[in-house]
Amino acid sequence: MTRRFLVFLALCCVLAACGSAAEPVPAPVLPSRSTAAPTGAPVRVLDPAAVGAGVRKILLDSFRITGVEGVTCPAGQPVVIGRAFACTARIGGTAKRVPVTVLGTDGRYRVDPPG
């Protein structure tokens, strides 16, 4: 969150506590890719190409794995904290399973070493 938004939010809280007749301010909506859920409510999903590129970068830079030829991740993974899924990395000609876990509603995720 930006400092400006936090100041705005604090000001709204102060005005609400003072009995102001101001209209309630809707929460900000972050841009996301969404699909319709069975209930009809929009569900944010991860972009599989972006996650694949991120996983590849982590494999190369953080885990220092050489020979990473490409990474594919499943489509339609919802942005839900704790959601776990696996991408497939091609390393030295062999397909390896790479576990990924969603950490935040902002789309942050953790990548574990390939299995």
PDB file of N, CA and C in Angstrom:
ATOM      1  N   MET A   1       0.836  -1.176   0.000  1.00  0.00           N
ATOM      2  CA  MET A   1       0.000   0.000   0.000  1.00  0.00           C
ATOM      3  C   MET A   1       0.882   1.240   0.000  1.00  0.00           C
ATOM      4  N   THR A   2       0.392   2.254  -0.655  1.00  0.00           N
ATOM      5  CA  THR A   2       1.170   3.476  -0.693  1.00  0.00           C
ATOM      6  C   THR A   2       0.868   4.322   0.536  1.00  0.00           C
ATOM      7  N   ARG A   3       1.789   5.196   0.835  1.00  0.00           N
ATOM      8  CA  ARG A   3       1.632   6.079   1.992  1.00  0.00           C
ATOM      9  C   ARG A   3       0.400   6.967   1.806  1.00  0.00           C
ATOM     10  N   ARG A   4       0.186   7.438   0.591  1.00  0.00           N
ATOM     11  CA  ARG A   4      -0.950   8.319   0.307  1.00  0.00           C
ATOM     12  C   ARG A   4      -2.268   7.596   0.601  1.00  0.00           C
ATOM     13  N   PHE A   5      -2.349   6.317   0.198  1.00  0.00           N
ATOM     14  CA  PHE A   5      -3.569   5.542   0.454  1.00  0.00           C
ATOM     15  C   PHE A   5      -3.779   5.351   1.955  1.00  0.00           C
ATOM     16  N   LEU A   6      -2.706   5.058   2.697  1.00  0.00           N
ATOM     17  CA  LEU A   6      -2.824   4.851   4.131  1.00  0.00           C
ATOM     18  C   LEU A   6      -3.288   6.120   4.840  1.00  0.00           C
ATOM     19  N   VAL A   7      -2.767   7.279   4.418  1.00  0.00           N
ATOM     20  CA  VAL A   7      -3.204   8.547   4.999  1.00  0.00           C
ATOM     21  C   VAL A   7      -4.683   8.765   4.681  1.00  0.00           C
ATOM     22  N   PHE A   8      -5.066   8.474   3.447  1.00  0.00           N
ATOM     23  CA  PHE A   8      -6.468   8.612   3.039  1.00  0.00           C
ATOM     24  C   PHE A   8      -7.364   7.704   3.874  1.00  0.00           C
ATOM     25  N   LEU A   9      -6.933   6.464   4.062  1.00  0.00           N
ATOM     26  CA  LEU A   9      -7.705   5.505   4.844  1.00  0.00           C
ATOM     27  C   LEU A   9      -7.839   5.967   6.295  1.00  0.00           C
ATOM     28  N   ALA A  10      -6.753   6.479   6.878  1.00  0.00           N
ATOM     29  CA  ALA A  10      -6.796   6.982   8.253  1.00  0.00           C
ATOM     30  C   ALA A  10      -7.757   8.159   8.364  1.00  0.00           C
ATOM     31  N   LEU A  11      -7.710   9.053   7.378  1.00  0.00           N
ATOM     32  CA  LEU A  11      -8.610  10.204   7.378  1.00  0.00           C
ATOM     33  C   LEU A  11     -10.060   9.748   7.302  1.00  0.00           C
ATOM     34  N   CYS A  12     -10.343   8.764   6.493  1.00  0.00           N
ATOM     35  CA  CYS A  12     -11.709   8.236   6.392  1.00  0.00           C
ATOM     36  C   CYS A  12     -12.165   7.654   7.716  1.00  0.00           C
ATOM     37  N   CYS A  13     -11.276   6.934   8.393  1.00  0.00           N
ATOM     38  CA  CYS A  13     -11.611   6.355   9.695  1.00  0.00           C
ATOM     39  C   CYS A  13     -11.903   7.452  10.718  1.00  0.00           C
ATOM     40  N   VAL A  14     -11.109   8.521  10.706  1.00  0.00           N
ATOM     41  CA  VAL A  14     -11.328   9.627  11.634  1.00  0.00           C
ATOM     42  C   VAL A  14     -12.668  10.285  11.344  1.00  0.00           C
ATOM     43  N   LEU A  15     -12.959  10.534  10.084  1.00  0.00           N
ATOM     44  CA  LEU A  15     -14.231  11.161   9.719  1.00  0.00           C
ATOM     45  C   LEU A  15     -15.403  10.268  10.102  1.00  0.00           C
ATOM     46  N   ALA A  16     -15.278   8.982   9.911  1.00  0.00           N
ATOM     47  CA  ALA A  16     -16.359   8.053  10.261  1.00  0.00           C
ATOM     48  C   ALA A  16     -16.592   8.051  11.759  1.00  0.00           C
ATOM     49  N   ALA A  17     -15.527   8.124  12.541  1.00  0.00           N
ATOM     50  CA  ALA A  17     -15.644   8.122  14.001  1.00  0.00           C
ATOM     51  C   ALA A  17     -16.258   9.418  14.514  1.00  0.00           C
ATOM     52  N   CYS A  18     -16.109  10.503  13.761  1.00  0.00           N
ATOM     53  CA  CYS A  18     -16.646  11.798  14.189  1.00  0.00           C
ATOM     54  C   CYS A  18     -18.113  11.951  13.813  1.00  0.00           C
ATOM     55  N   GLY A  19     -18.708  10.955  13.223  1.00  0.00           N
ATOM     56  CA  GLY A  19     -20.118  11.032  12.856  1.00  0.00           C
ATOM     57  C   GLY A  19     -20.345  11.787  11.567  1.00  0.00           C
ATOM     58  N   SER A  20     -19.369  11.825  10.718  1.00  0.00           N
ATOM     59  CA  SER A  20     -19.499  12.514   9.446  1.00  0.00           C
ATOM     60  C   SER A  20     -20.564  11.834   8.598  1.00  0.00           C
ATOM     61  N   ALA A  21     -21.274  12.602   7.816  1.00  0.00           N
ATOM     62  CA  ALA A  21     -22.311  12.061   6.949  1.00  0.00           C
ATOM     63  C   ALA A  21     -21.761  11.739   5.573  1.00  0.00           C
ATOM     64  N   ALA A  22     -20.452  11.671   5.445  1.00  0.00           N
ATOM     65  CA  ALA A  22     -19.846  11.398   4.146  1.00  0.00           C
ATOM     66  C   ALA A  22     -20.189   9.989   3.694  1.00  0.00           C
ATOM     67  N   GLU A  23     -20.257   9.811   2.383  1.00  0.00           N
ATOM     68  CA  GLU A  23     -20.513   8.494   1.800  1.00  0.00           C
ATOM     69  C   GLU A  23     -19.330   7.572   2.077  1.00  0.00           C
ATOM     70  N   PRO A  24     -19.563   6.279   2.294  1.00  0.00           N
ATOM     71  CA  PRO A  24     -18.443   5.358   2.487  1.00  0.00           C
ATOM     72  C   PRO A  24     -17.608   5.260   1.212  1.00  0.00           C
ATOM     73  N   VAL A  25     -16.318   5.147   1.391  1.00  0.00           N
ATOM     74  CA  VAL A  25     -15.401   5.070   0.268  1.00  0.00           C
ATOM     75  C   VAL A  25     -15.172   3.599  -0.064  1.00  0.00           C
ATOM     76  N   PRO A  26     -15.382   3.188  -1.314  1.00  0.00           N
ATOM     77  CA  PRO A  26     -15.158   1.786  -1.656  1.00  0.00           C
ATOM     78  C   PRO A  26     -13.668   1.441  -1.574  1.00  0.00           C
ATOM     79  N   ALA A  27     -13.378   0.203  -1.243  1.00  0.00           N
ATOM     80  CA  ALA A  27     -11.994  -0.256  -1.178  1.00  0.00           C
ATOM     81  C   ALA A  27     -11.398  -0.241  -2.570  1.00  0.00           C
ATOM     82  N   PRO A  28     -10.094   0.052  -2.678  1.00  0.00           N
ATOM     83  CA  PRO A  28      -9.470   0.054  -3.996  1.00  0.00           C
ATOM     84  C   PRO A  28      -9.437  -1.358  -4.574  1.00  0.00           C
ATOM     85  N   VAL A  29      -9.552  -1.441  -5.867  1.00  0.00           N
ATOM     86  CA  VAL A  29      -9.510  -2.729  -6.554  1.00  0.00           C
ATOM     87  C   VAL A  29      -8.220  -2.796  -7.351  1.00  0.00           C
ATOM     88  N   LEU A  30      -7.429  -3.817  -7.093  1.00  0.00           N
ATOM     89  CA  LEU A  30      -6.193  -4.003  -7.833  1.00  0.00           C
ATOM     90  C   LEU A  30      -6.508  -4.687  -9.155  1.00  0.00           C
ATOM     91  N   PRO A  31      -5.854  -4.295 -10.235  1.00  0.00           N
ATOM     92  CA  PRO A  31      -6.105  -4.962 -11.503  1.00  0.00           C
ATOM     93  C   PRO A  31      -5.674  -6.417 -11.415  1.00  0.00           C
ATOM     94  N   SER A  32      -6.476  -7.292 -11.968  1.00  0.00           N
ATOM     95  CA  SER A  32      -6.148  -8.705 -11.959  1.00  0.00           C
ATOM     96  C   SER A  32      -6.826  -9.387 -13.130  1.00  0.00           C
ATOM     97  N   ARG A  33      -6.361 -10.560 -13.409  1.00  0.00           N
ATOM     98  CA  ARG A  33      -6.995 -11.390 -14.421  1.00  0.00           C
ATOM     99  C   ARG A  33      -7.999 -12.249 -13.681  1.00  0.00           C
ATOM    100  N   SER A  34      -9.226 -12.312 -14.144  1.00  0.00           N
ATOM    101  CA  SER A  34     -10.221 -13.078 -13.414  1.00  0.00           C
ATOM    102  C   SER A  34     -11.068 -13.905 -14.361  1.00  0.00           C
ATOM    103  N   THR A  35     -11.659 -14.939 -13.796  1.00  0.00           N
ATOM    104  CA  THR A  35     -12.616 -15.767 -14.507  1.00  0.00           C
ATOM    105  C   THR A  35     -13.832 -15.898 -13.618  1.00  0.00           C
ATOM    106  N   ALA A  36     -14.945 -16.283 -14.193  1.00  0.00           N
ATOM    107  CA  ALA A  36     -16.159 -16.430 -13.405  1.00  0.00           C
ATOM    108  C   ALA A  36     -16.106 -17.724 -12.603  1.00  0.00           C
ATOM    109  N   ALA A  37     -16.366 -17.602 -11.329  1.00  0.00           N
ATOM    110  CA  ALA A  37     -16.434 -18.771 -10.451  1.00  0.00           C
ATOM    111  C   ALA A  37     -17.831 -19.366 -10.577  1.00  0.00           C
ATOM    112  N   PRO A  38     -18.022 -20.606 -10.113  1.00  0.00           N
ATOM    113  CA  PRO A  38     -19.350 -21.211 -10.175  1.00  0.00           C
ATOM    114  C   PRO A  38     -20.415 -20.365  -9.470  1.00  0.00           C
ATOM    115  N   THR A  39     -20.029 -19.610  -8.458  1.00  0.00           N
ATOM    116  CA  THR A  39     -20.987 -18.765  -7.739  1.00  0.00           C
ATOM    117  C   THR A  39     -21.253 -17.465  -8.482  1.00  0.00           C
ATOM    118  N   GLY A  40     -20.502 -17.200  -9.540  1.00  0.00           N
ATOM    119  CA  GLY A  40     -20.664 -15.970 -10.288  1.00  0.00           C
ATOM    120  C   GLY A  40     -19.745 -14.864  -9.818  1.00  0.00           C
ATOM    121  N   ALA A  41     -19.075 -15.038  -8.678  1.00  0.00           N
ATOM    122  CA  ALA A  41     -18.147 -14.029  -8.168  1.00  0.00           C
ATOM    123  C   ALA A  41     -16.827 -14.122  -8.929  1.00  0.00           C
ATOM    124  N   PRO A  42     -16.202 -12.973  -9.250  1.00  0.00           N
ATOM    125  CA  PRO A  42     -14.924 -13.034  -9.960  1.00  0.00           C
ATOM    126  C   PRO A  42     -13.822 -13.593  -9.058  1.00  0.00           C
ATOM    127  N   VAL A  43     -12.968 -14.403  -9.647  1.00  0.00           N
ATOM    128  CA  VAL A  43     -11.852 -15.004  -8.918  1.00  0.00           C
ATOM    129  C   VAL A  43     -10.566 -14.608  -9.623  1.00  0.00           C
ATOM    130  N   ARG A  44      -9.617 -14.051  -8.870  1.00  0.00           N
ATOM    131  CA  ARG A  44      -8.327 -13.692  -9.459  1.00  0.00           C
ATOM    132  C   ARG A  44      -7.533 -14.962  -9.666  1.00  0.00           C
ATOM    133  N   VAL A  45      -6.864 -15.055 -10.802  1.00  0.00           N
ATOM    134  CA  VAL A  45      -6.023 -16.211 -11.101  1.00  0.00           C
ATOM    135  C   VAL A  45      -4.640 -15.730 -11.503  1.00  0.00           C
ATOM    136  N   LEU A  46      -3.647 -16.591 -11.294  1.00  0.00           N
ATOM    137  CA  LEU A  46      -2.277 -16.272 -11.681  1.00  0.00           C
ATOM    138  C   LEU A  46      -2.112 -16.418 -13.180  1.00  0.00           C
ATOM    139  N   ASP A  47      -1.272 -15.606 -13.756  1.00  0.00           N
ATOM    140  CA  ASP A  47      -0.937 -15.691 -15.174  1.00  0.00           C
ATOM    141  C   ASP A  47       0.118 -16.795 -15.319  1.00  0.00           C
ATOM    142  N   PRO A  48      -0.205 -17.925 -15.976  1.00  0.00           N
ATOM    143  CA  PRO A  48       0.736 -19.048 -16.027  1.00  0.00           C
ATOM    144  C   PRO A  48       2.059 -18.707 -16.721  1.00  0.00           C
ATOM    145  N   ALA A  49       2.033 -17.830 -17.727  1.00  0.00           N
ATOM    146  CA  ALA A  49       3.278 -17.458 -18.412  1.00  0.00           C
ATOM    147  C   ALA A  49       4.177 -16.639 -17.493  1.00  0.00           C
ATOM    148  N   ALA A  50       3.577 -15.711 -16.734  1.00  0.00           N
ATOM    149  CA  ALA A  50       4.361 -14.883 -15.812  1.00  0.00           C
ATOM    150  C   ALA A  50       4.931 -15.727 -14.671  1.00  0.00           C
ATOM    151  N   VAL A  51       4.128 -16.653 -14.130  1.00  0.00           N
ATOM    152  CA  VAL A  51       4.619 -17.522 -13.064  1.00  0.00           C
ATOM    153  C   VAL A  51       5.740 -18.414 -13.604  1.00  0.00           C
ATOM    154  N   GLY A  52       5.569 -18.941 -14.804  1.00  0.00           N
ATOM    155  CA  GLY A  52       6.610 -19.780 -15.415  1.00  0.00           C
ATOM    156  C   GLY A  52       7.922 -19.030 -15.573  1.00  0.00           C
ATOM    157  N   ALA A  53       7.833 -17.767 -16.020  1.00  0.00           N
ATOM    158  CA  ALA A  53       9.049 -16.953 -16.161  1.00  0.00           C
ATOM    159  C   ALA A  53       9.675 -16.688 -14.793  1.00  0.00           C
ATOM    160  N   GLY A  54       8.838 -16.429 -13.787  1.00  0.00           N
ATOM    161  CA  GLY A  54       9.348 -16.196 -12.437  1.00  0.00           C
ATOM    162  C   GLY A  54      10.002 -17.435 -11.849  1.00  0.00           C
ATOM    163  N   VAL A  55       9.387 -18.588 -12.043  1.00  0.00           N
ATOM    164  CA  VAL A  55       9.950 -19.848 -11.548  1.00  0.00           C
ATOM    165  C   VAL A  55      11.289 -20.119 -12.222  1.00  0.00           C
ATOM    166  N   ARG A  56      11.353 -19.894 -13.532  1.00  0.00           N
ATOM    167  CA  ARG A  56      12.609 -20.111 -14.268  1.00  0.00           C
ATOM    168  C   ARG A  56      13.727 -19.224 -13.705  1.00  0.00           C
ATOM    169  N   LYS A  57      13.390 -17.963 -13.457  1.00  0.00           N
ATOM    170  CA  LYS A  57      14.379 -17.029 -12.913  1.00  0.00           C
ATOM    171  C   LYS A  57      14.866 -17.481 -11.533  1.00  0.00           C
ATOM    172  N   ILE A  58      13.958 -17.940 -10.688  1.00  0.00           N
ATOM    173  CA  ILE A  58      14.332 -18.412  -9.352  1.00  0.00           C
ATOM    174  C   ILE A  58      15.208 -19.663  -9.448  1.00  0.00           C
ATOM    175  N   LEU A  59      14.865 -20.575 -10.346  1.00  0.00           N
ATOM    176  CA  LEU A  59      15.681 -21.783 -10.517  1.00  0.00           C
ATOM    177  C   LEU A  59      17.108 -21.424 -10.931  1.00  0.00           C
ATOM    178  N   LEU A  60      17.217 -20.458 -11.826  1.00  0.00           N
ATOM    179  CA  LEU A  60      18.538 -20.053 -12.314  1.00  0.00           C
ATOM    180  C   LEU A  60      19.307 -19.216 -11.292  1.00  0.00           C
ATOM    181  N   ASP A  61      18.656 -18.193 -10.746  1.00  0.00           N
ATOM    182  CA  ASP A  61      19.349 -17.229  -9.887  1.00  0.00           C
ATOM    183  C   ASP A  61      19.484 -17.668  -8.428  1.00  0.00           C
ATOM    184  N   SER A  62      18.402 -18.172  -7.844  1.00  0.00           N
ATOM    185  CA  SER A  62      18.426 -18.521  -6.420  1.00  0.00           C
ATOM    186  C   SER A  62      18.955 -19.932  -6.163  1.00  0.00           C
ATOM    187  N   PHE A  63      18.461 -20.884  -6.949  1.00  0.00           N
ATOM    188  CA  PHE A  63      18.885 -22.272  -6.747  1.00  0.00           C
ATOM    189  C   PHE A  63      20.126 -22.629  -7.575  1.00  0.00           C
ATOM    190  N   ARG A  64      20.517 -21.719  -8.476  1.00  0.00           N
ATOM    191  CA  ARG A  64      21.708 -21.889  -9.322  1.00  0.00           C
ATOM    192  C   ARG A  64      21.699 -23.219 -10.079  1.00  0.00           C
ATOM    193  N   ILE A  65      20.545 -23.532 -10.642  1.00  0.00           N
ATOM    194  CA  ILE A  65      20.398 -24.748 -11.437  1.00  0.00           C
ATOM    195  C   ILE A  65      20.723 -24.405 -12.882  1.00  0.00           C
ATOM    196  N   THR A  66      21.620 -25.162 -13.472  1.00  0.00           N
ATOM    197  CA  THR A  66      21.982 -24.929 -14.874  1.00  0.00           C
ATOM    198  C   THR A  66      21.162 -25.850 -15.772  1.00  0.00           C
ATOM    199  N   GLY A  67      21.052 -25.473 -17.016  1.00  0.00           N
ATOM    200  CA  GLY A  67      20.358 -26.308 -17.992  1.00  0.00           C
ATOM    201  C   GLY A  67      18.847 -26.216 -17.944  1.00  0.00           C
ATOM    202  N   VAL A  68      18.306 -25.116 -17.374  1.00  0.00           N
ATOM    203  CA  VAL A  68      16.853 -24.938 -17.343  1.00  0.00           C
ATOM    204  C   VAL A  68      16.416 -24.506 -18.740  1.00  0.00           C
ATOM    205  N   GLU A  69      15.695 -25.392 -19.419  1.00  0.00           N
ATOM    206  CA  GLU A  69      15.297 -25.135 -20.806  1.00  0.00           C
ATOM    207  C   GLU A  69      13.958 -24.421 -20.910  1.00  0.00           C
ATOM    208  N   GLY A  70      13.106 -24.602 -19.941  1.00  0.00           N
ATOM    209  CA  GLY A  70      11.800 -23.963 -19.967  1.00  0.00           C
ATOM    210  C   GLY A  70      10.958 -24.409 -18.795  1.00  0.00           C
ATOM    211  N   VAL A  71       9.947 -23.603 -18.482  1.00  0.00           N
ATOM    212  CA  VAL A  71       9.041 -23.918 -17.371  1.00  0.00           C
ATOM    213  C   VAL A  71       7.614 -23.673 -17.844  1.00  0.00           C
ATOM    214  N   THR A  72       6.734 -24.618 -17.560  1.00  0.00           N
ATOM    215  CA  THR A  72       5.310 -24.444 -17.850  1.00  0.00           C
ATOM    216  C   THR A  72       4.537 -24.608 -16.549  1.00  0.00           C
ATOM    217  N   CYS A  73       3.531 -23.750 -16.382  1.00  0.00           N
ATOM    218  CA  CYS A  73       2.707 -23.783 -15.175  1.00  0.00           C
ATOM    219  C   CYS A  73       1.249 -23.925 -15.593  1.00  0.00           C
ATOM    220  N   PRO A  74       0.442 -24.576 -14.754  1.00  0.00           N
ATOM    221  CA  PRO A  74      -0.963 -24.774 -15.097  1.00  0.00           C
ATOM    222  C   PRO A  74      -1.753 -23.461 -15.069  1.00  0.00           C
ATOM    223  N   ALA A  75      -2.716 -23.364 -15.955  1.00  0.00           N
ATOM    224  CA  ALA A  75      -3.586 -22.187 -16.014  1.00  0.00           C
ATOM    225  C   ALA A  75      -4.683 -22.301 -14.961  1.00  0.00           C
ATOM    226  N   GLY A  76      -5.274 -21.168 -14.638  1.00  0.00           N
ATOM    227  CA  GLY A  76      -6.435 -21.149 -13.761  1.00  0.00           C
ATOM    228  C   GLY A  76      -6.145 -21.317 -12.283  1.00  0.00           C
ATOM    229  N   GLN A  77      -4.900 -21.076 -11.856  1.00  0.00           N
ATOM    230  CA  GLN A  77      -4.571 -21.207 -10.437  1.00  0.00           C
ATOM    231  C   GLN A  77      -5.068 -19.971  -9.689  1.00  0.00           C
ATOM    232  N   PRO A  78      -6.011 -20.150  -8.749  1.00  0.00           N
ATOM    233  CA  PRO A  78      -6.572 -19.001  -8.044  1.00  0.00           C
ATOM    234  C   PRO A  78      -5.569 -18.368  -7.083  1.00  0.00           C
ATOM    235  N   VAL A  79      -5.703 -17.063  -6.907  1.00  0.00           N
ATOM    236  CA  VAL A  79      -4.855 -16.330  -5.969  1.00  0.00           C
ATOM    237  C   VAL A  79      -5.499 -16.465  -4.590  1.00  0.00           C
ATOM    238  N   VAL A  80      -5.180 -17.578  -3.936  1.00  0.00           N
ATOM    239  CA  VAL A  80      -5.707 -17.906  -2.615  1.00  0.00           C
ATOM    240  C   VAL A  80      -4.520 -18.302  -1.744  1.00  0.00           C
ATOM    241  N   ILE A  81      -4.375 -17.640  -0.599  1.00  0.00           N
ATOM    242  CA  ILE A  81      -3.247 -17.923   0.292  1.00  0.00           C
ATOM    243  C   ILE A  81      -3.239 -19.399   0.658  1.00  0.00           C
ATOM    244  N   GLY A  82      -2.075 -20.023   0.493  1.00  0.00           N
ATOM    245  CA  GLY A  82      -1.908 -21.433   0.819  1.00  0.00           C
ATOM    246  C   GLY A  82      -2.145 -22.363  -0.353  1.00  0.00           C
ATOM    247  N   ARG A  83      -2.655 -21.860  -1.454  1.00  0.00           N
ATOM    248  CA  ARG A  83      -2.905 -22.691  -2.642  1.00  0.00           C
ATOM    249  C   ARG A  83      -1.572 -23.223  -3.151  1.00  0.00           C
ATOM    250  N   ALA A  84      -1.476 -24.524  -3.336  1.00  0.00           N
ATOM    251  CA  ALA A  84      -0.238 -25.148  -3.817  1.00  0.00           C
ATOM    252  C   ALA A  84      -0.509 -25.847  -5.145  1.00  0.00           C
ATOM    253  N   PHE A  85       0.450 -25.740  -6.040  1.00  0.00           N
ATOM    254  CA  PHE A  85       0.375 -26.415  -7.329  1.00  0.00           C
ATOM    255  C   PHE A  85       1.797 -26.662  -7.785  1.00  0.00           C
ATOM    256  N   ALA A  86       1.959 -27.330  -8.906  1.00  0.00           N
ATOM    257  CA  ALA A  86       3.300 -27.632  -9.400  1.00  0.00           C
ATOM    258  C   ALA A  86       3.445 -27.176 -10.843  1.00  0.00           C
ATOM    259  N   CYS A  87       4.584 -26.579 -11.127  1.00  0.00           N
ATOM    260  CA  CYS A  87       4.971 -26.261 -12.494  1.00  0.00           C
ATOM    261  C   CYS A  87       5.906 -27.379 -12.958  1.00  0.00           C
ATOM    262  N   THR A  88       6.110 -27.470 -14.252  1.00  0.00           N
ATOM    263  CA  THR A  88       7.029 -28.461 -14.797  1.00  0.00           C
ATOM    264  C   THR A  88       8.198 -27.723 -15.437  1.00  0.00           C
ATOM    265  N   ALA A  89       9.396 -28.045 -14.972  1.00  0.00           N
ATOM    266  CA  ALA A  89      10.613 -27.436 -15.532  1.00  0.00           C
ATOM    267  C   ALA A  89      11.361 -28.499 -16.326  1.00  0.00           C
ATOM    268  N   ARG A  90      11.815 -28.112 -17.474  1.00  0.00           N
ATOM    269  CA  ARG A  90      12.644 -28.996 -18.291  1.00  0.00           C
ATOM    270  C   ARG A  90      14.088 -28.635 -17.970  1.00  0.00           C
ATOM    271  N   ILE A  91      14.789 -29.552 -17.284  1.00  0.00           N
ATOM    272  CA  ILE A  91      16.160 -29.318 -16.835  1.00  0.00           C
ATOM    273  C   ILE A  91      17.044 -30.412 -17.405  1.00  0.00           C
ATOM    274  N   GLY A  92      17.956 -30.005 -18.293  1.00  0.00           N
ATOM    275  CA  GLY A  92      18.851 -30.985 -18.920  1.00  0.00           C
ATOM    276  C   GLY A  92      18.097 -32.062 -19.674  1.00  0.00           C
ATOM    277  N   GLY A  93      16.959 -31.709 -20.261  1.00  0.00           N
ATOM    278  CA  GLY A  93      16.185 -32.661 -21.041  1.00  0.00           C
ATOM    279  C   GLY A  93      15.221 -33.507 -20.230  1.00  0.00           C
ATOM    280  N   THR A  94      15.196 -33.331 -18.918  1.00  0.00           N
ATOM    281  CA  THR A  94      14.317 -34.114 -18.051  1.00  0.00           C
ATOM    282  C   THR A  94      13.254 -33.217 -17.428  1.00  0.00           C
ATOM    283  N   ALA A  95      12.011 -33.692 -17.404  1.00  0.00           N
ATOM    284  CA  ALA A  95      10.923 -32.940 -16.781  1.00  0.00           C
ATOM    285  C   ALA A  95      10.999 -33.107 -15.267  1.00  0.00           C
ATOM    286  N   LYS A  96      10.993 -31.974 -14.564  1.00  0.00           N
ATOM    287  CA  LYS A  96      11.044 -31.970 -13.101  1.00  0.00           C
ATOM    288  C   LYS A  96       9.840 -31.206 -12.567  1.00  0.00           C
ATOM    289  N   ARG A  97       9.276 -31.695 -11.474  1.00  0.00           N
ATOM    290  CA  ARG A  97       8.145 -31.055 -10.806  1.00  0.00           C
ATOM    291  C   ARG A  97       8.694 -29.976  -9.873  1.00  0.00           C
ATOM    292  N   VAL A  98       8.156 -28.746  -9.984  1.00  0.00           N
ATOM    293  CA  VAL A  98       8.589 -27.630  -9.136  1.00  0.00           C
ATOM    294  C   VAL A  98       7.387 -27.143  -8.326  1.00  0.00           C
ATOM    295  N   PRO A  99       7.379 -27.380  -6.995  1.00  0.00           N
ATOM    296  CA  PRO A  99       6.261 -26.946  -6.166  1.00  0.00           C
ATOM    297  C   PRO A  99       6.202 -25.424  -6.016  1.00  0.00           C
ATOM    298  N   VAL A 100       4.992 -24.878  -6.086  1.00  0.00           N
ATOM    299  CA  VAL A 100       4.744 -23.441  -5.937  1.00  0.00           C
ATOM    300  C   VAL A 100       3.598 -23.282  -4.939  1.00  0.00           C
ATOM    301  N   THR A 101       3.738 -22.318  -4.016  1.00  0.00           N
ATOM    302  CA  THR A 101       2.694 -22.050  -3.033  1.00  0.00           C
ATOM    303  C   THR A 101       2.385 -20.560  -3.027  1.00  0.00           C
ATOM    304  N   VAL A 102       1.101 -20.208  -3.126  1.00  0.00           N
ATOM    305  CA  VAL A 102       0.669 -18.812  -3.091  1.00  0.00           C
ATOM    306  C   VAL A 102       0.799 -18.307  -1.653  1.00  0.00           C
ATOM    307  N   LEU A 103       1.466 -17.151  -1.496  1.00  0.00           N
ATOM    308  CA  LEU A 103       1.709 -16.575  -0.171  1.00  0.00           C
ATOM    309  C   LEU A 103       0.805 -15.403   0.163  1.00  0.00           C
ATOM    310  N   GLY A 104       0.313 -14.698  -0.845  1.00  0.00           N
ATOM    311  CA  GLY A 104      -0.486 -13.512  -0.560  1.00  0.00           C
ATOM    312  C   GLY A 104      -1.543 -13.262  -1.607  1.00  0.00           C
ATOM    313  N   THR A 105      -2.546 -12.502  -1.216  1.00  0.00           N
ATOM    314  CA  THR A 105      -3.621 -12.169  -2.153  1.00  0.00           C
ATOM    315  C   THR A 105      -3.154 -11.218  -3.249  1.00  0.00           C
ATOM    316  N   ASP A 106      -1.923 -10.710  -3.112  1.00  0.00           N
ATOM    317  CA  ASP A 106      -1.356  -9.846  -4.149  1.00  0.00           C
ATOM    318  C   ASP A 106      -0.655 -10.668  -5.229  1.00  0.00           C
ATOM    319  N   GLY A 107      -0.679 -11.992  -5.105  1.00  0.00           N
ATOM    320  CA  GLY A 107      -0.079 -12.857  -6.118  1.00  0.00           C
ATOM    321  C   GLY A 107       1.338 -13.303  -5.815  1.00  0.00           C
ATOM    322  N   ARG A 108       1.867 -12.960  -4.628  1.00  0.00           N
ATOM    323  CA  ARG A 108       3.202 -13.446  -4.262  1.00  0.00           C
ATOM    324  C   ARG A 108       3.154 -14.959  -4.099  1.00  0.00           C
ATOM    325  N   TYR A 109       4.262 -15.615  -4.452  1.00  0.00           N
ATOM    326  CA  TYR A 109       4.318 -17.063  -4.314  1.00  0.00           C
ATOM    327  C   TYR A 109       5.720 -17.506  -3.950  1.00  0.00           C
ATOM    328  N   ARG A 110       5.811 -18.715  -3.362  1.00  0.00           N
ATOM    329  CA  ARG A 110       7.088 -19.316  -2.988  1.00  0.00           C
ATOM    330  C   ARG A 110       7.363 -20.468  -3.935  1.00  0.00           C
ATOM    331  N   VAL A 111       8.618 -20.582  -4.348  1.00  0.00           N
ATOM    332  CA  VAL A 111       9.054 -21.675  -5.216  1.00  0.00           C
ATOM    333  C   VAL A 111       9.991 -22.566  -4.421  1.00  0.00           C
ATOM    334  N   ASP A 112       9.690 -23.854  -4.383  1.00  0.00           N
ATOM    335  CA  ASP A 112      10.557 -24.816  -3.709  1.00  0.00           C
ATOM    336  C   ASP A 112      11.439 -25.498  -4.755  1.00  0.00           C
ATOM    337  N   PRO A 113      12.555 -26.097  -4.321  1.00  0.00           N
ATOM    338  CA  PRO A 113      13.436 -26.770  -5.269  1.00  0.00           C
ATOM    339  C   PRO A 113      12.717 -27.889  -6.022  1.00  0.00           C
ATOM    340  N   PRO A 114      13.131 -28.142  -7.249  1.00  0.00           N
ATOM    341  CA  PRO A 114      12.488 -29.202  -8.026  1.00  0.00           C
ATOM    342  C   PRO A 114      12.674 -30.573  -7.379  1.00  0.00           C
ATOM    343  N   GLY A 115      11.670 -31.387  -7.563  1.00  0.00           N
ATOM    344  CA  GLY A 115      11.715 -32.733  -6.978  1.00  0.00           C
ATOM    345  C   GLY A 115      12.003 -33.805  -7.982  1.00  0.00           C
TER     346      GLY A 115
END
